[in-house]
Structure formats: structure tokens, C-alpha cells
Protein backbone atom coordinates (compact mmCIF):
# COMPACT_ATOMS: atom_id res chain seq x y z
CA MET A 1 102.72 102.63 237.32
CA ASN A 2 101.70 99.02 238.63
CA ALA A 3 97.99 99.91 237.77
CA LYS A 4 98.47 100.90 234.53
CA ARG A 5 100.80 97.43 233.90
CA ILE A 6 99.49 94.42 231.65
CA ARG A 7 98.66 91.83 234.56
CA VAL A 8 100.19 88.74 232.76
CA LEU A 9 98.80 84.84 234.05
CA CYS A 10 101.31 82.01 232.78
CA VAL A 11 100.24 78.68 232.53
CA ASP A 12 102.91 75.61 232.68
CA ASP A 13 103.44 72.26 233.95
CA HIS A 14 107.15 73.54 234.31
CA ALA A 15 108.15 75.55 237.54
CA ILE A 16 111.44 76.77 235.24
CA VAL A 17 109.57 78.01 232.35
CA ARG A 18 106.98 79.54 234.43
CA GLU A 19 110.03 80.97 236.43
CA GLY A 20 111.65 82.04 233.29
CA LEU A 21 108.97 83.49 231.41
CA SER A 22 108.03 85.21 235.10
CA LEU A 23 111.84 87.01 234.54
CA ILE A 24 111.38 87.69 230.96
CA ILE A 25 108.38 89.56 231.43
CA ASN A 26 108.54 91.37 234.69
CA ARG A 27 111.56 93.30 233.56
CA GLU A 28 109.69 94.71 231.36
CA PRO A 29 107.97 98.24 232.98
CA ASP A 30 104.70 98.03 231.47
CA MET A 31 103.93 94.73 232.35
CA ARG A 32 104.05 92.00 235.28
CA VAL A 33 103.62 88.50 235.82
CA VAL A 34 100.67 88.00 238.65
CA SER A 35 100.23 84.57 238.92
CA SER A 36 100.97 81.34 237.47
CA ALA A 37 99.76 78.46 237.58
CA SER A 38 100.89 74.55 236.37
CA ASN A 39 97.61 72.22 235.44
CA ALA A 40 94.16 72.91 233.75
CA GLN A 41 91.43 73.27 236.60
CA GLU A 42 94.59 75.69 238.57
CA ALA A 43 94.59 77.91 235.56
CA VAL A 44 90.98 78.21 235.51
CA SER A 45 90.72 78.76 239.37
CA VAL A 46 93.61 81.45 239.22
CA PHE A 47 91.79 83.38 236.26
CA ARG A 48 88.79 83.65 238.28
CA ARG A 49 90.34 85.03 241.16
CA ASP A 50 92.57 87.60 239.33
CA HIS A 51 90.91 88.18 235.81
CA PRO A 52 94.30 88.74 233.89
CA ASP A 53 94.54 91.16 231.25
CA VAL A 54 96.72 88.50 229.25
CA THR A 55 97.42 84.73 229.64
CA LEU A 56 99.66 82.81 228.48
CA MET A 57 98.74 79.10 228.16
CA ASP A 58 100.75 75.75 227.32
CA LEU A 59 98.86 73.39 225.60
CA ARG A 60 100.41 70.31 227.73
CA LEU A 61 99.41 70.47 231.29
CA GLY A 62 100.55 67.39 232.52
CA SER A 63 97.52 64.84 232.09
CA THR A 64 95.06 68.36 232.02
CA SER A 65 94.47 69.78 228.60
CA GLY A 66 95.22 73.84 228.05
CA THR A 67 92.76 73.48 225.07
CA ALA A 68 90.31 72.23 227.57
CA ALA A 69 91.30 75.20 229.99
CA ILE A 70 90.93 78.10 227.53
CA GLN A 71 87.47 76.49 226.57
CA SER A 72 86.45 77.03 230.39
CA ILE A 73 87.81 80.32 230.60
CA ILE A 74 86.26 82.01 227.49
CA ARG A 75 82.98 80.01 228.87
CA GLU A 76 83.25 82.44 231.76
CA SER A 77 85.02 85.45 230.61
CA PRO A 78 84.53 85.81 226.59
CA GLU A 79 86.50 88.59 226.58
CA ALA A 80 89.33 86.92 228.08
CA ARG A 81 93.03 87.57 225.94
CA ILE A 82 94.70 84.06 225.79
CA VAL A 83 97.72 83.34 223.91
CA VAL A 84 98.80 79.55 223.73
CA LEU A 85 102.86 79.43 223.95
CA THR A 86 104.17 75.72 223.12
CA MET A 87 105.81 73.44 221.59
CA TYR A 88 102.90 71.40 219.70
CA GLU A 89 102.87 73.23 216.08
CA GLY A 90 100.82 70.55 214.28
CA ASP A 91 97.78 72.02 212.33
CA GLU A 92 95.57 70.12 214.65
CA ASP A 93 96.39 71.59 217.80
CA ILE A 94 96.54 75.01 216.17
CA HIS A 95 93.07 74.52 214.71
CA ARG A 96 91.67 73.77 218.39
CA ALA A 97 93.07 75.96 220.19
CA MET A 98 91.78 78.64 218.02
CA GLN A 99 88.65 77.05 218.05
CA ALA A 100 88.51 76.89 221.90
CA GLY A 101 89.09 81.14 222.01
CA ALA A 102 92.69 81.27 221.92
CA ILE A 103 93.70 85.06 220.58
CA THR A 104 96.92 83.73 218.97
CA TYR A 105 99.34 80.45 218.53
CA LEU A 106 102.96 81.05 219.44
CA LEU A 107 106.09 78.03 219.48
CA LYS A 108 108.06 77.93 222.68
CA ASP A 109 111.32 78.81 220.30
CA MET A 110 110.39 82.34 219.61
CA LEU A 111 112.35 84.87 220.53
CA SER A 112 111.77 87.07 224.13
CA ASP A 113 111.15 90.31 222.09
CA ASP A 114 108.35 88.11 219.82
CA LEU A 115 107.13 86.81 223.40
CA ILE A 116 106.73 91.04 224.72
CA ARG A 117 105.47 92.65 221.14
CA VAL A 118 102.80 89.94 221.03
CA VAL A 119 101.79 90.30 224.58
CA ARG A 120 101.39 94.20 224.19
CA ASP A 121 99.76 93.80 220.59
CA VAL A 122 97.25 91.14 222.15
CA HIS A 123 96.66 93.88 224.89
CA GLY A 124 95.73 96.09 222.99
CA GLY A 125 93.04 94.09 220.94
CA LYS A 126 94.76 92.93 218.29
CA LYS A 127 95.22 89.61 216.97
CA PRO A 128 98.61 88.95 215.68
CA MET A 129 99.33 85.66 213.43
CA GLY A 130 102.38 84.45 212.59
CA ASP A 131 102.93 83.40 208.99
CA GLY A 132 103.90 79.96 210.28
CA VAL A 133 100.47 79.28 211.97
CA PHE A 134 98.67 80.84 209.00
CA ALA A 135 100.15 78.19 206.59
CA ARG A 136 99.47 76.01 209.06
CA LEU A 137 95.90 76.67 209.56
CA ALA A 138 95.32 76.64 205.71
CA GLN A 139 97.07 73.28 204.86
CA ARG A 140 94.58 71.67 207.51
CA ALA A 141 91.11 73.43 205.81
CA SER A 142 92.86 71.53 202.65
CA HIS A 143 92.42 68.50 204.33
CA PRO A 144 89.24 66.56 205.38
CA ALA A 145 88.47 66.40 209.22
CA LEU A 146 88.53 63.06 210.91
CA THR A 147 85.03 62.56 213.47
CA PRO A 148 85.24 61.85 216.76
CA ARG A 149 84.98 58.26 216.66
CA GLU A 150 87.45 58.54 213.74
CA VAL A 151 90.05 60.01 216.36
CA ALA A 152 89.23 57.42 219.22
CA VAL A 153 89.84 54.47 216.79
CA LEU A 154 93.08 56.39 216.01
CA GLU A 155 94.17 56.85 220.08
CA LEU A 156 93.56 53.12 220.37
CA LEU A 157 95.65 52.00 217.93
CA ALA A 158 98.40 54.17 218.53
CA GLN A 159 98.40 52.26 221.91
CA GLY A 160 98.69 49.18 220.28
CA MET A 161 95.26 47.64 220.01
CA ARG A 162 93.75 45.34 217.27
CA ASN A 163 90.64 45.64 215.43
CA LYS A 164 88.46 43.19 218.19
CA GLU A 165 90.22 45.41 221.59
CA ILE A 166 89.22 48.81 219.63
CA ALA A 167 85.85 47.22 218.63
CA ALA A 168 84.94 46.39 222.54
CA ALA A 169 86.46 49.71 224.16
CA LEU A 170 84.46 51.31 221.56
CA GLY A 171 81.60 49.75 221.62
CA ILE A 172 80.80 48.26 218.04
CA SER A 173 81.22 45.85 216.12
CA GLU A 174 84.15 44.43 214.83
CA GLY A 175 83.31 44.55 211.81
CA THR A 176 82.82 48.34 212.02
CA VAL A 177 86.55 48.68 212.94
CA PRO A 178 87.48 48.23 209.19
CA VAL A 179 85.63 51.18 207.47
CA HIS A 180 86.94 53.60 210.08
CA MET A 181 90.42 52.52 209.46
CA LYS A 182 89.24 52.58 205.82
CA SER A 183 87.73 56.28 206.21
CA ILE A 184 90.90 57.27 207.95
CA PHE A 185 93.54 56.38 205.72
CA VAL A 186 91.71 58.24 202.86
CA LYS A 187 91.75 61.62 204.82
CA LEU A 188 95.11 60.67 206.08
CA GLU A 189 95.94 59.88 202.39
CA VAL A 190 98.19 56.89 203.54
CA ASN A 191 98.46 53.08 203.28
CA ASP A 192 98.98 51.32 206.47
CA ARG A 193 98.29 51.71 209.91
CA THR A 194 102.15 52.88 211.30
CA ALA A 195 101.91 55.55 208.68
CA ALA A 196 98.44 56.72 209.88
CA ILE A 197 99.54 56.91 213.21
CA ASN A 198 102.51 58.83 212.36
CA VAL A 199 100.95 61.46 210.64
CA ALA A 200 98.41 62.16 213.21
CA VAL A 201 100.71 62.44 215.83
CA ARG A 202 102.88 65.33 213.44
CA ARG A 203 99.24 67.10 212.64
CA GLY A 204 98.41 67.11 216.42
CA ILE A 205 95.57 64.92 215.60
CA ILE A 206 97.04 62.69 218.60
CA HIS A 207 99.95 62.65 221.13
CA ILE A 208 101.52 59.62 222.18
CA GLU A 209 102.91 60.77 225.50
């Protein structure tokens, strides 16, 4: 029986979440948690060691990124089946995770029975995707994407920096910052900096810890 079980890796920076997932998964006769990790570096190392059938990956791993862990794992093992399980529900979060190589994207408020079903489906080669996730990806596709430089400007803006400080931090002229800001406003369909930050946080373009 053990040889036929779906072997699961749980990656989350909260021990209580990892323990809860283990309880949910290990009560199923056809699957078990074989290992866990609390940060991106550990996740990659443990995956390399244990080669789980399915990996449950949070996106917020303390100071590290679950998306970065997904990219590293997929780079080494393109066949890896990774399921994102997170509280982040922004369309940009979903897009980045799927681009990194995740099979599907789940929110932590889902029912445990649904989680078990998804693990089985993913292990069986399916790519289950909830209607809400599809809707958010479609919504993102309808908006122009911000450039990496524009995202960097937004991140510094969210830290309370002024134009002169943003320019110094990015190594650009102070006059270039308003040009980036104008483009950001147009793309996010806002009229001021506060609104730009609010929209960027809601969509998962930036995160404020």
C-alpha cells in the first residue's frame, strides 16, 4: 500500500499549517506527507532529496518567495507537479505562479475535501482550475502589464520614498520617475499614488509586509 500512495511535500512557513495539512492528507488511505519545508531554499533541497509526487507550495515563505522555489524546482525537474496553496488571491500572484510552472492555484479557505480531490487529480495528470482563478487570469489579460522598472518604482513608492529617493535607488534621473508614474497610472487606471499602491497590492503586483 505504501508504495502506491501519493507522496506529498508540504511547503509553508507556518508550522501549524504544515501540521494541519499533514493531518488532512495522512488520514487518506492513498496518500501521505513524506516531507515538509518552511522556506524556498529548503523546499528545493527537500524536493531534490525526496522527489514527491505532488508538492503543496505557499507563496509567502517568510523572506523568501514560493514563486522562486517553483522556478528552481521546475528548472531541475520539469515534470514536477506543484500546487500553489496560499492566501494571495491577486491576479498577478496567480499569473506569476502559473508562469513559474505551477499546475494549479488554490486558496487556503478551500474545503479539505476539495484539496484532497485536487491532489488526486494533479497526481493523475489533470490540471484542475477553479472558476475564480480562470476569471482572475482573464481579468489580468485585459490589463496592460507593468514593466519590471515600473514595478520597482511602485515598490519604492509603497515604502514612502519621494521621486528623488526613488531615482537614487534605481540609478535613474529624477525627471524619469514622473514618466514611469504616468505610465503606471494609465495602466492601473488610477489618478494618484495612493490609489496606485492600493490597486497594486490588491492585484498582487507588489506586497507590503
